[in-house]
N, C-alpha and C. Protein backbone atom coordinates (compact mmCIF):
# COMPACT_ATOMS: atom_id res chain seq x y z
N MET A 1 13.46 56.87 -60.99
CA MET A 1 13.96 57.03 -59.73
C MET A 1 13.00 57.21 -58.51
N TYR A 2 11.93 57.79 -58.88
CA TYR A 2 10.68 57.79 -57.97
C TYR A 2 10.43 56.43 -57.64
N ALA A 3 9.96 55.61 -58.70
CA ALA A 3 9.54 54.42 -58.45
C ALA A 3 10.86 53.54 -57.55
N ASP A 4 11.98 53.72 -57.92
CA ASP A 4 13.00 53.31 -57.23
C ASP A 4 12.94 53.25 -55.66
N ALA A 5 12.68 54.77 -55.36
CA ALA A 5 12.54 55.31 -54.05
C ALA A 5 11.32 54.41 -53.43
N ALA A 6 10.24 54.25 -54.09
CA ALA A 6 9.26 53.53 -53.43
C ALA A 6 9.61 52.02 -53.03
N ASN A 7 10.32 51.55 -53.99
CA ASN A 7 10.98 50.20 -53.63
C ASN A 7 11.84 50.30 -52.26
N ALA A 8 12.67 51.29 -52.41
CA ALA A 8 13.46 51.59 -51.01
C ALA A 8 12.81 51.64 -50.05
N LYS A 9 11.69 52.35 -49.93
CA LYS A 9 10.82 52.62 -48.81
C LYS A 9 10.29 51.33 -48.44
N THR A 10 9.83 50.41 -49.30
CA THR A 10 9.36 49.16 -48.78
C THR A 10 10.44 48.42 -48.25
N LYS A 11 11.61 48.29 -48.81
CA LYS A 11 12.71 47.59 -48.10
C LYS A 11 13.01 48.23 -46.78
N MET A 12 12.87 49.30 -46.56
CA MET A 12 13.19 50.08 -45.31
C MET A 12 12.12 49.88 -44.25
N GLU A 13 10.80 49.66 -44.60
CA GLU A 13 9.76 49.48 -43.80
C GLU A 13 9.85 47.82 -43.41
N ASN A 14 10.47 46.93 -44.22
CA ASN A 14 10.37 45.56 -43.74
C ASN A 14 11.93 45.18 -42.99
N GLY A 15 12.60 46.38 -42.87
CA GLY A 15 13.73 46.02 -42.20
C GLY A 15 14.94 45.48 -42.86
N PHE A 16 14.85 45.67 -43.96
CA PHE A 16 16.04 45.44 -44.99
C PHE A 16 17.11 46.48 -44.82
N ASP A 17 18.48 46.18 -44.99
CA ASP A 17 19.47 47.21 -45.23
C ASP A 17 19.26 47.97 -46.47
N LEU A 18 19.43 49.24 -46.41
CA LEU A 18 19.42 50.14 -47.70
C LEU A 18 20.69 50.28 -48.27
N THR A 19 20.78 50.23 -49.50
CA THR A 19 21.99 50.43 -50.26
C THR A 19 22.30 52.14 -50.17
N ASN A 20 23.58 52.43 -50.66
CA ASN A 20 23.48 53.95 -50.80
C ASN A 20 22.59 54.59 -52.06
N TYR A 21 22.30 53.72 -52.97
CA TYR A 21 21.55 54.15 -54.00
C TYR A 21 20.20 54.10 -53.49
N ASP A 22 19.70 53.14 -52.56
CA ASP A 22 18.43 53.28 -51.94
C ASP A 22 18.30 54.75 -51.11
N GLU A 23 19.38 55.04 -50.40
CA GLU A 23 19.21 56.24 -49.62
C GLU A 23 19.14 57.54 -50.41
N ARG A 24 20.04 57.66 -51.77
CA ARG A 24 19.90 58.58 -52.31
C ARG A 24 18.54 58.75 -53.06
N THR A 25 17.87 57.58 -53.48
CA THR A 25 16.67 57.87 -54.08
C THR A 25 15.50 57.94 -53.24
N LEU A 26 15.53 57.71 -52.01
CA LEU A 26 14.59 58.27 -50.86
C LEU A 26 14.66 59.73 -50.63
N ALA A 27 16.03 60.40 -50.60
CA ALA A 27 16.30 61.74 -50.68
C ALA A 27 15.87 62.41 -51.87
N PHE A 28 16.30 61.96 -52.97
CA PHE A 28 15.54 62.42 -54.19
C PHE A 28 13.96 62.69 -54.22
N ALA A 29 13.28 61.46 -53.95
CA ALA A 29 11.79 61.44 -53.84
C ALA A 29 11.28 62.46 -52.99
N LYS A 30 11.98 62.46 -51.82
CA LYS A 30 11.51 63.79 -50.64
C LYS A 30 11.71 65.25 -51.48
N ASP A 31 12.75 65.41 -51.79
CA ASP A 31 12.89 66.67 -52.51
C ASP A 31 12.17 67.07 -53.72
N TYR A 32 11.84 65.87 -54.64
CA TYR A 32 11.14 65.98 -55.73
C TYR A 32 9.71 66.19 -55.22
N ALA A 33 9.02 65.69 -54.38
CA ALA A 33 7.59 65.86 -53.77
C ALA A 33 7.50 67.22 -53.19
N ASN A 34 8.58 67.73 -52.67
CA ASN A 34 8.42 68.94 -51.99
C ASN A 34 8.56 70.24 -53.22
N GLN A 35 9.35 70.08 -53.97
CA GLN A 35 9.93 70.96 -55.00
C GLN A 35 9.12 71.01 -56.19
N LEU A 36 8.42 69.98 -56.47
CA LEU A 36 7.71 69.79 -57.84
C LEU A 36 6.20 69.45 -57.49
N LEU A 37 5.92 68.52 -56.68
CA LEU A 37 4.67 67.89 -56.46
C LEU A 37 3.74 68.55 -55.45
N ALA A 38 4.29 69.34 -54.70
CA ALA A 38 3.60 70.07 -53.65
C ALA A 38 2.35 70.97 -54.19
N ILE A 39 1.32 71.16 -53.40
CA ILE A 39 0.01 71.77 -53.80
C ILE A 39 0.56 73.40 -54.16
N ASP A 40 1.55 73.95 -53.35
CA ASP A 40 1.75 75.34 -53.37
C ASP A 40 2.80 75.59 -54.43
N VAL A 41 3.30 74.56 -55.57
CA VAL A 41 4.45 74.88 -56.25
C VAL A 41 3.68 75.37 -57.50
N ASN A 42 4.33 76.18 -58.17
CA ASN A 42 3.72 76.87 -59.37
C ASN A 42 4.83 77.25 -60.28
N LEU A 43 5.28 76.15 -61.01
CA LEU A 43 6.31 76.47 -61.85
C LEU A 43 5.77 76.07 -63.37
N ASP A 44 6.72 76.87 -64.17
CA ASP A 44 6.42 76.57 -65.45
C ASP A 44 7.18 75.51 -65.93
N THR A 45 6.92 74.89 -67.14
CA THR A 45 7.62 73.65 -67.62
C THR A 45 9.16 73.83 -67.58
N THR A 46 9.78 75.02 -68.12
CA THR A 46 11.08 75.10 -68.10
C THR A 46 11.82 75.30 -66.62
N GLU A 47 10.93 75.84 -65.66
CA GLU A 47 11.46 75.77 -64.33
C GLU A 47 11.24 74.30 -63.73
N MET A 48 10.20 73.47 -64.18
CA MET A 48 10.44 72.30 -63.56
C MET A 48 11.51 71.40 -64.15
N LEU A 49 11.61 71.51 -65.46
CA LEU A 49 12.79 70.84 -66.01
C LEU A 49 14.27 71.22 -65.33
N ASP A 50 14.50 72.55 -65.05
CA ASP A 50 15.43 73.00 -64.39
C ASP A 50 15.79 72.40 -62.99
N VAL A 51 14.46 72.53 -62.31
CA VAL A 51 14.65 71.81 -60.99
C VAL A 51 14.69 70.28 -60.99
N THR A 52 14.30 69.71 -61.87
CA THR A 52 14.38 68.16 -62.04
C THR A 52 15.91 68.01 -62.26
N TRP A 53 16.32 68.61 -63.30
CA TRP A 53 17.95 68.42 -63.62
C TRP A 53 18.95 68.45 -62.31
N GLY A 54 18.55 69.55 -61.68
CA GLY A 54 19.29 69.76 -60.60
C GLY A 54 19.08 68.85 -59.31
N LEU A 55 18.00 68.38 -59.33
CA LEU A 55 17.90 66.98 -58.47
C LEU A 55 18.50 65.68 -58.97
N PHE A 56 18.41 65.45 -60.11
CA PHE A 56 19.21 64.54 -60.60
C PHE A 56 20.67 64.45 -60.53
N SER A 57 21.22 65.85 -60.72
CA SER A 57 22.75 66.02 -60.55
C SER A 57 23.04 65.86 -58.94
N LYS A 58 22.18 66.43 -58.10
CA LYS A 58 22.44 66.08 -56.64
C LYS A 58 22.40 64.87 -56.26
N TYR A 59 21.62 64.12 -56.64
CA TYR A 59 21.49 62.59 -55.90
C TYR A 59 22.29 61.67 -57.07
N PHE A 60 22.41 61.61 -58.13
CA PHE A 60 22.75 60.46 -59.01
C PHE A 60 23.97 60.96 -59.94
N LYS A 61 24.47 60.03 -60.51
CA LYS A 61 25.68 60.07 -61.52
C LYS A 61 24.90 60.10 -62.98
N PRO A 62 25.30 60.70 -63.81
CA PRO A 62 24.87 60.82 -65.17
C PRO A 62 24.36 59.29 -65.72
N GLU A 63 25.38 58.45 -65.28
CA GLU A 63 24.90 57.07 -65.96
C GLU A 63 23.78 56.23 -65.16
N GLU A 64 23.38 56.71 -63.88
CA GLU A 64 22.18 56.32 -63.16
C GLU A 64 20.94 56.64 -64.00
N VAL A 65 20.93 57.54 -64.59
CA VAL A 65 19.47 58.20 -64.80
C VAL A 65 18.82 57.68 -65.96
N ASN A 66 19.59 56.92 -66.86
CA ASN A 66 19.13 56.45 -68.23
C ASN A 66 18.43 57.26 -69.04
N ILE A 67 19.09 58.57 -69.24
CA ILE A 67 18.72 59.62 -70.16
C ILE A 67 19.95 59.68 -71.37
N LYS A 68 19.26 59.91 -72.47
CA LYS A 68 20.28 60.04 -73.58
C LYS A 68 21.42 60.87 -73.29
N LYS A 69 22.67 60.44 -73.72
CA LYS A 69 23.81 61.20 -73.19
C LYS A 69 23.91 62.88 -73.86
N GLU A 70 23.15 62.70 -75.04
CA GLU A 70 23.20 64.26 -75.64
C GLU A 70 22.41 65.18 -74.74
N LEU A 71 21.24 64.59 -73.99
CA LEU A 71 20.68 65.41 -73.14
C LEU A 71 21.41 65.63 -71.84
N VAL A 72 22.06 64.58 -71.25
CA VAL A 72 22.58 64.92 -70.08
C VAL A 72 23.92 65.85 -70.44
N ASP A 73 24.65 65.72 -71.45
CA ASP A 73 25.70 66.53 -71.57
C ASP A 73 25.12 68.14 -71.82
N GLN A 74 23.75 68.17 -72.22
CA GLN A 74 23.19 69.76 -72.68
C GLN A 74 22.48 70.10 -71.12
N HIS A 75 22.23 69.41 -70.30
CA HIS A 75 21.54 69.81 -69.19
C HIS A 75 21.96 69.63 -67.83
N TRP A 76 22.84 68.60 -67.56
CA TRP A 76 23.38 68.25 -66.32
C TRP A 76 24.00 69.27 -65.83
N LYS A 77 23.49 69.60 -64.27
CA LYS A 77 23.94 70.68 -63.56
C LYS A 77 25.28 70.28 -62.84
N LYS A 78 26.16 70.91 -63.00
CA LYS A 78 27.46 70.81 -62.24
C LYS A 78 27.42 71.29 -60.75
N GLN A 79 27.73 70.23 -59.80
CA GLN A 79 27.71 70.50 -58.40
C GLN A 79 28.90 71.13 -58.04
């Protein structure tokens, strides 16, 4: 998803229209960076996974994340 956001950013910078998916990946990447990659974030592994699953479910459908169904069924956050 993060790599897809980089591609969407390139499309946007070059004046191409963004798809709904592109816009969602950009929003995901922004939240991902703020909630997980920021220098002041101090989360343990379980907390990081919880945040990531929450972001996945906020911006994507289960079939868009390319993660095993068993894991999605177990961890997907219901919005």
